[in-house]
Amino acid sequence: VTLLVMALLHPLFITTSIKLLWGRQRFV
């Protein structure tokens, strides 16, 4: 359960939200 909670909160929700809001362009 802990693994799945982490997966939902960090890689999915937190990271995705920051990505979309921050708008930093990749090197490529």
mmCIF file of all heavy atoms, coordinates in Angstrom:
data_MODEL
# 
_entry.id   MODEL 
# 
loop_
_atom_site.group_PDB 
_atom_site.id 
_atom_site.type_symbol 
_atom_site.label_atom_id 
_atom_site.label_alt_id 
_atom_site.label_comp_id 
_atom_site.label_asym_id 
_atom_site.label_entity_id 
_atom_site.label_seq_id 
_atom_site.pdbx_PDB_ins_code 
_atom_site.Cartn_x 
_atom_site.Cartn_y 
_atom_site.Cartn_z 
_atom_site.occupancy 
_atom_site.B_iso_or_equiv 
_atom_site.pdbx_formal_charge 
_atom_site.auth_seq_id 
_atom_site.auth_comp_id 
_atom_site.auth_asym_id 
_atom_site.auth_atom_id 
_atom_site.pdbx_PDB_model_num 
ATOM 1   N N   . VAL A 1 1  ? 0.838  -1.202 0.000   1.00 0.00 ? 1  VAL A N   1 
ATOM 2   C CA  . VAL A 1 1  ? 0.000  0.000  0.000   1.00 0.00 ? 1  VAL A CA  1 
ATOM 3   C C   . VAL A 1 1  ? 0.876  1.256  0.000   1.00 0.00 ? 1  VAL A C   1 
ATOM 4   O O   . VAL A 1 1  ? 0.619  2.221  -0.725  1.00 0.00 ? 1  VAL A O   1 
ATOM 5   C CB  . VAL A 1 1  ? -0.947 0.002  1.211   1.00 0.00 ? 1  VAL A CB  1 
ATOM 6   C CG1 . VAL A 1 1  ? -1.699 1.318  1.299   1.00 0.00 ? 1  VAL A CG1 1 
ATOM 7   C CG2 . VAL A 1 1  ? -1.930 -1.154 1.121   1.00 0.00 ? 1  VAL A CG2 1 
ATOM 8   N N   . THR A 1 2  ? 1.931  1.247  0.799   1.00 0.00 ? 2  THR A N   1 
ATOM 9   C CA  . THR A 1 2  ? 2.838  2.392  0.886   1.00 0.00 ? 2  THR A CA  1 
ATOM 10  C C   . THR A 1 2  ? 3.482  2.688  -0.460  1.00 0.00 ? 2  THR A C   1 
ATOM 11  O O   . THR A 1 2  ? 3.600  3.854  -0.876  1.00 0.00 ? 2  THR A O   1 
ATOM 12  C CB  . THR A 1 2  ? 3.932  2.132  1.937   1.00 0.00 ? 2  THR A CB  1 
ATOM 13  O OG1 . THR A 1 2  ? 3.315  1.917  3.215   1.00 0.00 ? 2  THR A OG1 1 
ATOM 14  C CG2 . THR A 1 2  ? 4.895  3.292  2.037   1.00 0.00 ? 2  THR A CG2 1 
ATOM 15  N N   . LEU A 1 3  ? 3.900  1.649  -1.164  1.00 0.00 ? 3  LEU A N   1 
ATOM 16  C CA  . LEU A 1 3  ? 4.512  1.821  -2.485  1.00 0.00 ? 3  LEU A CA  1 
ATOM 17  C C   . LEU A 1 3  ? 3.545  2.495  -3.453  1.00 0.00 ? 3  LEU A C   1 
ATOM 18  O O   . LEU A 1 3  ? 3.921  3.411  -4.187  1.00 0.00 ? 3  LEU A O   1 
ATOM 19  C CB  . LEU A 1 3  ? 4.945  0.460  -3.027  1.00 0.00 ? 3  LEU A CB  1 
ATOM 20  C CG  . LEU A 1 3  ? 5.608  0.464  -4.407  1.00 0.00 ? 3  LEU A CG  1 
ATOM 21  C CD1 . LEU A 1 3  ? 7.015  1.035  -4.311  1.00 0.00 ? 3  LEU A CD1 1 
ATOM 22  C CD2 . LEU A 1 3  ? 5.658  -0.948 -4.985  1.00 0.00 ? 3  LEU A CD2 1 
ATOM 23  N N   . LEU A 1 4  ? 2.290  2.056  -3.433  1.00 0.00 ? 4  LEU A N   1 
ATOM 24  C CA  . LEU A 1 4  ? 1.303  2.614  -4.348  1.00 0.00 ? 4  LEU A CA  1 
ATOM 25  C C   . LEU A 1 4  ? 0.935  4.050  -3.978  1.00 0.00 ? 4  LEU A C   1 
ATOM 26  O O   . LEU A 1 4  ? 0.719  4.887  -4.857  1.00 0.00 ? 4  LEU A O   1 
ATOM 27  C CB  . LEU A 1 4  ? 0.055  1.727  -4.370  1.00 0.00 ? 4  LEU A CB  1 
ATOM 28  C CG  . LEU A 1 4  ? 0.273  0.334  -4.966  1.00 0.00 ? 4  LEU A CG  1 
ATOM 29  C CD1 . LEU A 1 4  ? -0.982 -0.506 -4.817  1.00 0.00 ? 4  LEU A CD1 1 
ATOM 30  C CD2 . LEU A 1 4  ? 0.684  0.428  -6.432  1.00 0.00 ? 4  LEU A CD2 1 
ATOM 31  N N   . VAL A 1 5  ? 0.882  4.336  -2.676  1.00 0.00 ? 5  VAL A N   1 
ATOM 32  C CA  . VAL A 1 5  ? 0.619  5.716  -2.235  1.00 0.00 ? 5  VAL A CA  1 
ATOM 33  C C   . VAL A 1 5  ? 1.741  6.635  -2.716  1.00 0.00 ? 5  VAL A C   1 
ATOM 34  O O   . VAL A 1 5  ? 1.490  7.734  -3.230  1.00 0.00 ? 5  VAL A O   1 
ATOM 35  C CB  . VAL A 1 5  ? 0.475  5.780  -0.705  1.00 0.00 ? 5  VAL A CB  1 
ATOM 36  C CG1 . VAL A 1 5  ? 0.475  7.230  -0.225  1.00 0.00 ? 5  VAL A CG1 1 
ATOM 37  C CG2 . VAL A 1 5  ? -0.802 5.086  -0.256  1.00 0.00 ? 5  VAL A CG2 1 
ATOM 38  N N   . MET A 1 6  ? 2.982  6.178  -2.571  1.00 0.00 ? 6  MET A N   1 
ATOM 39  C CA  . MET A 1 6  ? 4.125  6.961  -3.034  1.00 0.00 ? 6  MET A CA  1 
ATOM 40  C C   . MET A 1 6  ? 4.043  7.181  -4.547  1.00 0.00 ? 6  MET A C   1 
ATOM 41  O O   . MET A 1 6  ? 4.269  8.298  -5.039  1.00 0.00 ? 6  MET A O   1 
ATOM 42  C CB  . MET A 1 6  ? 5.423  6.246  -2.673  1.00 0.00 ? 6  MET A CB  1 
ATOM 43  C CG  . MET A 1 6  ? 6.694  6.979  -3.104  1.00 0.00 ? 6  MET A CG  1 
ATOM 44  S SD  . MET A 1 6  ? 6.902  8.559  -2.247  1.00 0.00 ? 6  MET A SD  1 
ATOM 45  C CE  . MET A 1 6  ? 8.620  8.917  -2.643  1.00 0.00 ? 6  MET A CE  1 
ATOM 46  N N   . ALA A 1 7  ? 3.717  6.137  -5.279  1.00 0.00 ? 7  ALA A N   1 
ATOM 47  C CA  . ALA A 1 7  ? 3.647  6.237  -6.738  1.00 0.00 ? 7  ALA A CA  1 
ATOM 48  C C   . ALA A 1 7  ? 2.595  7.251  -7.172  1.00 0.00 ? 7  ALA A C   1 
ATOM 49  O O   . ALA A 1 7  ? 2.818  8.027  -8.107  1.00 0.00 ? 7  ALA A O   1 
ATOM 50  C CB  . ALA A 1 7  ? 3.339  4.867  -7.333  1.00 0.00 ? 7  ALA A CB  1 
ATOM 51  N N   . LEU A 1 8  ? 1.471  7.259  -6.504  1.00 0.00 ? 8  LEU A N   1 
ATOM 52  C CA  . LEU A 1 8  ? 0.396  8.186  -6.867  1.00 0.00 ? 8  LEU A CA  1 
ATOM 53  C C   . LEU A 1 8  ? 0.735  9.627  -6.503  1.00 0.00 ? 8  LEU A C   1 
ATOM 54  O O   . LEU A 1 8  ? 0.454  10.552 -7.270  1.00 0.00 ? 8  LEU A O   1 
ATOM 55  C CB  . LEU A 1 8  ? -0.907 7.766  -6.174  1.00 0.00 ? 8  LEU A CB  1 
ATOM 56  C CG  . LEU A 1 8  ? -1.563 6.481  -6.696  1.00 0.00 ? 8  LEU A CG  1 
ATOM 57  C CD1 . LEU A 1 8  ? -2.712 6.073  -5.790  1.00 0.00 ? 8  LEU A CD1 1 
ATOM 58  C CD2 . LEU A 1 8  ? -2.058 6.667  -8.123  1.00 0.00 ? 8  LEU A CD2 1 
ATOM 59  N N   . LEU A 1 9  ? 1.364  9.812  -5.344  1.00 0.00 ? 9  LEU A N   1 
ATOM 60  C CA  . LEU A 1 9  ? 1.617  11.163 -4.872  1.00 0.00 ? 9  LEU A CA  1 
ATOM 61  C C   . LEU A 1 9  ? 2.819  11.823 -5.544  1.00 0.00 ? 9  LEU A C   1 
ATOM 62  O O   . LEU A 1 9  ? 2.733  12.966 -5.991  1.00 0.00 ? 9  LEU A O   1 
ATOM 63  C CB  . LEU A 1 9  ? 1.816  11.164 -3.358  1.00 0.00 ? 9  LEU A CB  1 
ATOM 64  C CG  . LEU A 1 9  ? 0.544  11.054 -2.524  1.00 0.00 ? 9  LEU A CG  1 
ATOM 65  C CD1 . LEU A 1 9  ? 0.884  11.111 -1.046  1.00 0.00 ? 9  LEU A CD1 1 
ATOM 66  C CD2 . LEU A 1 9  ? -0.439 12.160 -2.866  1.00 0.00 ? 9  LEU A CD2 1 
ATOM 67  N N   . HIS A 1 10 ? 3.967  11.099 -5.587  1.00 0.00 ? 10 HIS A N   1 
ATOM 68  C CA  . HIS A 1 10 ? 5.176  11.775 -6.074  1.00 0.00 ? 10 HIS A CA  1 
ATOM 69  C C   . HIS A 1 10 ? 5.346  11.703 -7.592  1.00 0.00 ? 10 HIS A C   1 
ATOM 70  O O   . HIS A 1 10 ? 5.167  12.724 -8.276  1.00 0.00 ? 10 HIS A O   1 
ATOM 71  C CB  . HIS A 1 10 ? 6.398  11.241 -5.342  1.00 0.00 ? 10 HIS A CB  1 
ATOM 72  C CG  . HIS A 1 10 ? 7.680  11.950 -5.695  1.00 0.00 ? 10 HIS A CG  1 
ATOM 73  N ND1 . HIS A 1 10 ? 7.705  13.162 -6.344  1.00 0.00 ? 10 HIS A ND1 1 
ATOM 74  C CD2 . HIS A 1 10 ? 8.977  11.621 -5.502  1.00 0.00 ? 10 HIS A CD2 1 
ATOM 75  C CE1 . HIS A 1 10 ? 8.952  13.551 -6.532  1.00 0.00 ? 10 HIS A CE1 1 
ATOM 76  N NE2 . HIS A 1 10 ? 9.744  12.628 -6.038  1.00 0.00 ? 10 HIS A NE2 1 
ATOM 77  N N   . PRO A 1 11 ? 5.643  10.537 -8.170  1.00 0.00 ? 11 PRO A N   1 
ATOM 78  C CA  . PRO A 1 11 ? 5.860  10.543 -9.623  1.00 0.00 ? 11 PRO A CA  1 
ATOM 79  C C   . PRO A 1 11 ? 4.645  11.037 -10.412 1.00 0.00 ? 11 PRO A C   1 
ATOM 80  O O   . PRO A 1 11 ? 4.789  11.748 -11.396 1.00 0.00 ? 11 PRO A O   1 
ATOM 81  C CB  . PRO A 1 11 ? 6.152  9.066  -9.937  1.00 0.00 ? 11 PRO A CB  1 
ATOM 82  C CG  . PRO A 1 11 ? 6.643  8.499  -8.657  1.00 0.00 ? 11 PRO A CG  1 
ATOM 83  C CD  . PRO A 1 11 ? 5.884  9.216  -7.576  1.00 0.00 ? 11 PRO A CD  1 
ATOM 84  N N   . LEU A 1 12 ? 3.451  10.656 -9.951  1.00 0.00 ? 12 LEU A N   1 
ATOM 85  C CA  . LEU A 1 12 ? 2.271  11.002 -10.745 1.00 0.00 ? 12 LEU A CA  1 
ATOM 86  C C   . LEU A 1 12 ? 1.772  12.416 -10.455 1.00 0.00 ? 12 LEU A C   1 
ATOM 87  O O   . LEU A 1 12 ? 1.811  13.294 -11.327 1.00 0.00 ? 12 LEU A O   1 
ATOM 88  C CB  . LEU A 1 12 ? 1.147  9.988  -10.489 1.00 0.00 ? 12 LEU A CB  1 
ATOM 89  C CG  . LEU A 1 12 ? -0.120 10.206 -11.317 1.00 0.00 ? 12 LEU A CG  1 
ATOM 90  C CD1 . LEU A 1 12 ? 0.204  10.109 -12.802 1.00 0.00 ? 12 LEU A CD1 1 
ATOM 91  C CD2 . LEU A 1 12 ? -1.184 9.178  -10.938 1.00 0.00 ? 12 LEU A CD2 1 
ATOM 92  N N   . PHE A 1 13 ? 1.310  12.688 -9.218  1.00 0.00 ? 13 PHE A N   1 
ATOM 93  C CA  . PHE A 1 13 ? 0.652  13.957 -8.942  1.00 0.00 ? 13 PHE A CA  1 
ATOM 94  C C   . PHE A 1 13 ? 1.638  15.125 -8.771  1.00 0.00 ? 13 PHE A C   1 
ATOM 95  O O   . PHE A 1 13 ? 1.554  16.134 -9.478  1.00 0.00 ? 13 PHE A O   1 
ATOM 96  C CB  . PHE A 1 13 ? -0.224 13.832 -7.701  1.00 0.00 ? 13 PHE A CB  1 
ATOM 97  C CG  . PHE A 1 13 ? -0.916 15.118 -7.341  1.00 0.00 ? 13 PHE A CG  1 
ATOM 98  C CD1 . PHE A 1 13 ? -1.960 15.589 -8.113  1.00 0.00 ? 13 PHE A CD1 1 
ATOM 99  C CD2 . PHE A 1 13 ? -0.498 15.856 -6.248  1.00 0.00 ? 13 PHE A CD2 1 
ATOM 100 C CE1 . PHE A 1 13 ? -2.593 16.787 -7.796  1.00 0.00 ? 13 PHE A CE1 1 
ATOM 101 C CE2 . PHE A 1 13 ? -1.115 17.055 -5.927  1.00 0.00 ? 13 PHE A CE2 1 
ATOM 102 C CZ  . PHE A 1 13 ? -2.173 17.519 -6.703  1.00 0.00 ? 13 PHE A CZ  1 
ATOM 103 N N   . ILE A 1 14 ? 2.580  15.000 -7.833  1.00 0.00 ? 14 ILE A N   1 
ATOM 104 C CA  . ILE A 1 14 ? 3.469  16.124 -7.526  1.00 0.00 ? 14 ILE A CA  1 
ATOM 105 C C   . ILE A 1 14 ? 4.366  16.463 -8.720  1.00 0.00 ? 14 ILE A C   1 
ATOM 106 O O   . ILE A 1 14 ? 4.452  17.617 -9.152  1.00 0.00 ? 14 ILE A O   1 
ATOM 107 C CB  . ILE A 1 14 ? 4.316  15.828 -6.277  1.00 0.00 ? 14 ILE A CB  1 
ATOM 108 C CG1 . ILE A 1 14 ? 3.416  15.688 -5.048  1.00 0.00 ? 14 ILE A CG1 1 
ATOM 109 C CG2 . ILE A 1 14 ? 5.346  16.934 -6.053  1.00 0.00 ? 14 ILE A CG2 1 
ATOM 110 C CD1 . ILE A 1 14 ? 4.169  15.311 -3.774  1.00 0.00 ? 14 ILE A CD1 1 
ATOM 111 N N   . THR A 1 15 ? 5.063  15.457 -9.240  1.00 0.00 ? 15 THR A N   1 
ATOM 112 C CA  . THR A 1 15 ? 5.998  15.703 -10.348 1.00 0.00 ? 15 THR A CA  1 
ATOM 113 C C   . THR A 1 15 ? 5.280  16.240 -11.578 1.00 0.00 ? 15 THR A C   1 
ATOM 114 O O   . THR A 1 15 ? 5.731  17.212 -12.198 1.00 0.00 ? 15 THR A O   1 
ATOM 115 C CB  . THR A 1 15 ? 6.754  14.415 -10.704 1.00 0.00 ? 15 THR A CB  1 
ATOM 116 O OG1 . THR A 1 15 ? 7.504  13.987 -9.567  1.00 0.00 ? 15 THR A OG1 1 
ATOM 117 C CG2 . THR A 1 15 ? 7.697  14.643 -11.870 1.00 0.00 ? 15 THR A CG2 1 
ATOM 118 N N   . THR A 1 16 ? 4.172  15.613 -11.933 1.00 0.00 ? 16 THR A N   1 
ATOM 119 C CA  . THR A 1 16 ? 3.437  16.050 -13.113 1.00 0.00 ? 16 THR A CA  1 
ATOM 120 C C   . THR A 1 16 ? 2.917  17.471 -12.957 1.00 0.00 ? 16 THR A C   1 
ATOM 121 O O   . THR A 1 16 ? 2.980  18.283 -13.892 1.00 0.00 ? 16 THR A O   1 
ATOM 122 C CB  . THR A 1 16 ? 2.271  15.096 -13.409 1.00 0.00 ? 16 THR A CB  1 
ATOM 123 O OG1 . THR A 1 16 ? 2.774  13.765 -13.599 1.00 0.00 ? 16 THR A OG1 1 
ATOM 124 C CG2 . THR A 1 16 ? 1.515  15.525 -14.657 1.00 0.00 ? 16 THR A CG2 1 
ATOM 125 N N   . SER A 1 17 ? 2.421  17.793 -11.770 1.00 0.00 ? 17 SER A N   1 
ATOM 126 C CA  . SER A 1 17 ? 1.892  19.141 -11.525 1.00 0.00 ? 17 SER A CA  1 
ATOM 127 C C   . SER A 1 17 ? 2.987  20.195 -11.660 1.00 0.00 ? 17 SER A C   1 
ATOM 128 O O   . SER A 1 17 ? 2.794  21.238 -12.307 1.00 0.00 ? 17 SER A O   1 
ATOM 129 C CB  . SER A 1 17 ? 1.265  19.217 -10.131 1.00 0.00 ? 17 SER A CB  1 
ATOM 130 O OG  . SER A 1 17 ? 0.172  18.338 -10.017 1.00 0.00 ? 17 SER A OG  1 
ATOM 131 N N   . ILE A 1 18 ? 4.143  19.933 -11.052 1.00 0.00 ? 18 ILE A N   1 
ATOM 132 C CA  . ILE A 1 18 ? 5.242  20.893 -11.138 1.00 0.00 ? 18 ILE A CA  1 
ATOM 133 C C   . ILE A 1 18 ? 5.716  21.031 -12.581 1.00 0.00 ? 18 ILE A C   1 
ATOM 134 O O   . ILE A 1 18 ? 5.970  22.148 -13.063 1.00 0.00 ? 18 ILE A O   1 
ATOM 135 C CB  . ILE A 1 18 ? 6.406  20.480 -10.224 1.00 0.00 ? 18 ILE A CB  1 
ATOM 136 C CG1 . ILE A 1 18 ? 5.967  20.486 -8.762  1.00 0.00 ? 18 ILE A CG1 1 
ATOM 137 C CG2 . ILE A 1 18 ? 7.596  21.425 -10.406 1.00 0.00 ? 18 ILE A CG2 1 
ATOM 138 C CD1 . ILE A 1 18 ? 7.015  19.963 -7.792  1.00 0.00 ? 18 ILE A CD1 1 
ATOM 139 N N   . LYS A 1 19 ? 5.845  19.911 -13.281 1.00 0.00 ? 19 LYS A N   1 
ATOM 140 C CA  . LYS A 1 19 ? 6.273  19.947 -14.686 1.00 0.00 ? 19 LYS A CA  1 
ATOM 141 C C   . LYS A 1 19 ? 5.403  20.906 -15.497 1.00 0.00 ? 19 LYS A C   1 
ATOM 142 O O   . LYS A 1 19 ? 5.898  21.765 -16.238 1.00 0.00 ? 19 LYS A O   1 
ATOM 143 C CB  . LYS A 1 19 ? 6.153  18.546 -15.302 1.00 0.00 ? 19 LYS A CB  1 
ATOM 144 C CG  . LYS A 1 19 ? 7.338  17.637 -15.145 1.00 0.00 ? 19 LYS A CG  1 
ATOM 145 C CD  . LYS A 1 19 ? 7.005  16.300 -15.783 1.00 0.00 ? 19 LYS A CD  1 
ATOM 146 C CE  . LYS A 1 19 ? 8.158  15.334 -15.706 1.00 0.00 ? 19 LYS A CE  1 
ATOM 147 N NZ  . LYS A 1 19 ? 9.284  15.732 -16.554 1.00 0.00 ? 19 LYS A NZ  1 
ATOM 148 N N   . LEU A 1 20 ? 4.093  20.727 -15.366 1.00 0.00 ? 20 LEU A N   1 
ATOM 149 C CA  . LEU A 1 20 ? 3.169  21.502 -16.180 1.00 0.00 ? 20 LEU A CA  1 
ATOM 150 C C   . LEU A 1 20 ? 3.182  22.978 -15.803 1.00 0.00 ? 20 LEU A C   1 
ATOM 151 O O   . LEU A 1 20 ? 3.048  23.854 -16.669 1.00 0.00 ? 20 LEU A O   1 
ATOM 152 C CB  . LEU A 1 20 ? 1.750  20.936 -16.032 1.00 0.00 ? 20 LEU A CB  1 
ATOM 153 C CG  . LEU A 1 20 ? 1.559  19.504 -16.547 1.00 0.00 ? 20 LEU A CG  1 
ATOM 154 C CD1 . LEU A 1 20 ? 0.146  19.028 -16.280 1.00 0.00 ? 20 LEU A CD1 1 
ATOM 155 C CD2 . LEU A 1 20 ? 1.893  19.400 -18.030 1.00 0.00 ? 20 LEU A CD2 1 
ATOM 156 N N   . LEU A 1 21 ? 3.348  23.259 -14.519 1.00 0.00 ? 21 LEU A N   1 
ATOM 157 C CA  . LEU A 1 21 ? 3.319  24.649 -14.064 1.00 0.00 ? 21 LEU A CA  1 
ATOM 158 C C   . LEU A 1 21 ? 4.649  25.366 -14.259 1.00 0.00 ? 21 LEU A C   1 
ATOM 159 O O   . LEU A 1 21 ? 4.676  26.570 -14.529 1.00 0.00 ? 21 LEU A O   1 
ATOM 160 C CB  . LEU A 1 21 ? 2.923  24.702 -12.584 1.00 0.00 ? 21 LEU A CB  1 
ATOM 161 C CG  . LEU A 1 21 ? 1.492  24.274 -12.256 1.00 0.00 ? 21 LEU A CG  1 
ATOM 162 C CD1 . LEU A 1 21 ? 1.292  24.208 -10.742 1.00 0.00 ? 21 LEU A CD1 1 
ATOM 163 C CD2 . LEU A 1 21 ? 0.476  25.215 -12.878 1.00 0.00 ? 21 LEU A CD2 1 
ATOM 164 N N   . TRP A 1 22 ? 5.775  24.625 -14.122 1.00 0.00 ? 22 TRP A N   1 
ATOM 165 C CA  . TRP A 1 22 ? 7.092  25.262 -14.123 1.00 0.00 ? 22 TRP A CA  1 
ATOM 166 C C   . TRP A 1 22 ? 7.552  25.630 -15.524 1.00 0.00 ? 22 TRP A C   1 
ATOM 167 O O   . TRP A 1 22 ? 8.187  26.660 -15.736 1.00 0.00 ? 22 TRP A O   1 
ATOM 168 C CB  . TRP A 1 22 ? 8.108  24.343 -13.443 1.00 0.00 ? 22 TRP A CB  1 
ATOM 169 C CG  . TRP A 1 22 ? 9.149  25.091 -12.668 1.00 0.00 ? 22 TRP A CG  1 
ATOM 170 C CD1 . TRP A 1 22 ? 10.470 25.275 -13.006 1.00 0.00 ? 22 TRP A CD1 1 
ATOM 171 C CD2 . TRP A 1 22 ? 8.968  25.770 -11.424 1.00 0.00 ? 22 TRP A CD2 1 
ATOM 172 N NE1 . TRP A 1 22 ? 11.106 26.017 -12.035 1.00 0.00 ? 22 TRP A NE1 1 
ATOM 173 C CE2 . TRP A 1 22 ? 10.199 26.326 -11.047 1.00 0.00 ? 22 TRP A CE2 1 
ATOM 174 C CE3 . TRP A 1 22 ? 7.866  25.948 -10.576 1.00 0.00 ? 22 TRP A CE3 1 
ATOM 175 C CZ2 . TRP A 1 22 ? 10.370 27.059 -9.878  1.00 0.00 ? 22 TRP A CZ2 1 
ATOM 176 C CZ3 . TRP A 1 22 ? 8.029  26.666 -9.410  1.00 0.00 ? 22 TRP A CZ3 1 
ATOM 177 C CH2 . TRP A 1 22 ? 9.269  27.218 -9.077  1.00 0.00 ? 22 TRP A CH2 1 
ATOM 178 N N   . GLY A 1 23 ? 7.285  24.763 -16.491 1.00 0.00 ? 23 GLY A N   1 
ATOM 179 C CA  . GLY A 1 23 ? 7.570  25.083 -17.889 1.00 0.00 ? 23 GLY A CA  1 
ATOM 180 C C   . GLY A 1 23 ? 9.035  25.218 -18.247 1.00 0.00 ? 23 GLY A C   1 
ATOM 181 O O   . GLY A 1 23 ? 9.394  26.038 -19.095 1.00 0.00 ? 23 GLY A O   1 
ATOM 182 N N   . ARG A 1 24 ? 9.905  24.430 -17.624 1.00 0.00 ? 24 ARG A N   1 
ATOM 183 C CA  . ARG A 1 24 ? 11.336 24.486 -17.971 1.00 0.00 ? 24 ARG A CA  1 
ATOM 184 C C   . ARG A 1 24 ? 11.594 23.629 -19.211 1.00 0.00 ? 24 ARG A C   1 
ATOM 185 O O   . ARG A 1 24 ? 11.217 22.452 -19.250 1.00 0.00 ? 24 ARG A O   1 
ATOM 186 C CB  . ARG A 1 24 ? 12.181 23.980 -16.807 1.00 0.00 ? 24 ARG A CB  1 
ATOM 187 C CG  . ARG A 1 24 ? 13.679 24.200 -16.992 1.00 0.00 ? 24 ARG A CG  1 
ATOM 188 C CD  . ARG A 1 24 ? 14.496 23.580 -15.889 1.00 0.00 ? 24 ARG A CD  1 
ATOM 189 N NE  . ARG A 1 24 ? 15.842 24.141 -15.835 1.00 0.00 ? 24 ARG A NE  1 
ATOM 190 C CZ  . ARG A 1 24 ? 16.827 23.672 -15.072 1.00 0.00 ? 24 ARG A CZ  1 
ATOM 191 N NH1 . ARG A 1 24 ? 16.621 22.623 -14.282 1.00 0.00 ? 24 ARG A NH1 1 
ATOM 192 N NH2 . ARG A 1 24 ? 18.023 24.239 -15.094 1.00 0.00 ? 24 ARG A NH2 1 
ATOM 193 N N   . GLN A 1 25 ? 12.244 24.198 -20.204 1.00 0.00 ? 25 GLN A N   1 
ATOM 194 C CA  . GLN A 1 25 ? 12.498 23.462 -21.435 1.00 0.00 ? 25 GLN A CA  1 
ATOM 195 C C   . GLN A 1 25 ? 13.642 22.468 -21.268 1.00 0.00 ? 25 GLN A C   1 
ATOM 196 O O   . GLN A 1 25 ? 14.632 22.749 -20.597 1.00 0.00 ? 25 GLN A O   1 
ATOM 197 C CB  . GLN A 1 25 ? 12.820 24.423 -22.573 1.00 0.00 ? 25 GLN A CB  1 
ATOM 198 C CG  . GLN A 1 25 ? 11.631 25.241 -23.043 1.00 0.00 ? 25 GLN A CG  1 
ATOM 199 C CD  . GLN A 1 25 ? 11.923 25.965 -24.339 1.00 0.00 ? 25 GLN A CD  1 
ATOM 200 O OE1 . GLN A 1 25 ? 13.009 26.493 -24.545 1.00 0.00 ? 25 GLN A OE1 1 
ATOM 201 N NE2 . GLN A 1 25 ? 10.947 25.998 -25.232 1.00 0.00 ? 25 GLN A NE2 1 
ATOM 202 N N   . ARG A 1 26 ? 13.482 21.323 -21.895 1.00 0.00 ? 26 ARG A N   1 
ATOM 203 C CA  . ARG A 1 26 ? 14.525 20.309 -21.879 1.00 0.00 ? 26 ARG A CA  1 
ATOM 204 C C   . ARG A 1 26 ? 15.732 20.789 -22.689 1.00 0.00 ? 26 ARG A C   1 
ATOM 205 O O   . ARG A 1 26 ? 15.595 21.640 -23.583 1.00 0.00 ? 26 ARG A O   1 
ATOM 206 C CB  . ARG A 1 26 ? 14.006 18.993 -22.468 1.00 0.00 ? 26 ARG A CB  1 
ATOM 207 C CG  . ARG A 1 26 ? 12.796 18.403 -21.749 1.00 0.00 ? 26 ARG A CG  1 
ATOM 208 C CD  . ARG A 1 26 ? 12.386 17.114 -22.407 1.00 0.00 ? 26 ARG A CD  1 
ATOM 209 N NE  . ARG A 1 26 ? 11.120 16.583 -21.923 1.00 0.00 ? 26 ARG A NE  1 
ATOM 210 C CZ  . ARG A 1 26 ? 10.980 15.800 -20.870 1.00 0.00 ? 26 ARG A CZ  1 
ATOM 211 N NH1 . ARG A 1 26 ? 12.045 15.444 -20.172 1.00 0.00 ? 26 ARG A NH1 1 
ATOM 212 N NH2 . ARG A 1 26 ? 9.790  15.354 -20.503 1.00 0.00 ? 26 ARG A NH2 1 
ATOM 213 N N   . PHE A 1 27 ? 16.883 20.196 -22.410 1.00 0.00 ? 27 PHE A N   1 
ATOM 214 C CA  . PHE A 1 27 ? 18.097 20.574 -23.140 1.00 0.00 ? 27 PHE A CA  1 
ATOM 215 C C   . PHE A 1 27 ? 17.925 20.340 -24.634 1.00 0.00 ? 27 PHE A C   1 
ATOM 216 O O   . PHE A 1 27 ? 18.337 21.168 -25.451 1.00 0.00 ? 27 PHE A O   1 
ATOM 217 C CB  . PHE A 1 27 ? 19.294 19.781 -22.605 1.00 0.00 ? 27 PHE A CB  1 
ATOM 218 C CG  . PHE A 1 27 ? 20.580 20.080 -23.324 1.00 0.00 ? 27 PHE A CG  1 
ATOM 219 C CD1 . PHE A 1 27 ? 21.295 21.238 -23.036 1.00 0.00 ? 27 PHE A CD1 1 
ATOM 220 C CD2 . PHE A 1 27 ? 21.068 19.225 -24.298 1.00 0.00 ? 27 PHE A CD2 1 
ATOM 221 C CE1 . PHE A 1 27 ? 22.474 21.538 -23.706 1.00 0.00 ? 27 PHE A CE1 1 
ATOM 222 C CE2 . PHE A 1 27 ? 22.252 19.502 -24.965 1.00 0.00 ? 27 PHE A CE2 1 
ATOM 223 C CZ  . PHE A 1 27 ? 22.952 20.665 -24.669 1.00 0.00 ? 27 PHE A CZ  1 
ATOM 224 N N   . VAL A 1 28 ? 17.307 19.225 -25.022 1.00 0.00 ? 28 VAL A N   1 
ATOM 225 C CA  . VAL A 1 28 ? 17.142 18.914 -26.438 1.00 0.00 ? 28 VAL A CA  1 
ATOM 226 C C   . VAL A 1 28 ? 16.180 19.875 -27.129 1.00 0.00 ? 28 VAL A C   1 
ATOM 227 O O   . VAL A 1 28 ? 16.166 19.965 -28.361 1.00 0.00 ? 28 VAL A O   1 
ATOM 228 C CB  . VAL A 1 28 ? 16.641 17.462 -26.639 1.00 0.00 ? 28 VAL A CB  1 
ATOM 229 C CG1 . VAL A 1 28 ? 17.704 16.469 -26.199 1.00 0.00 ? 28 VAL A CG1 1 
ATOM 230 C CG2 . VAL A 1 28 ? 15.338 17.222 -25.894 1.00 0.00 ? 28 VAL A CG2 1 
# 
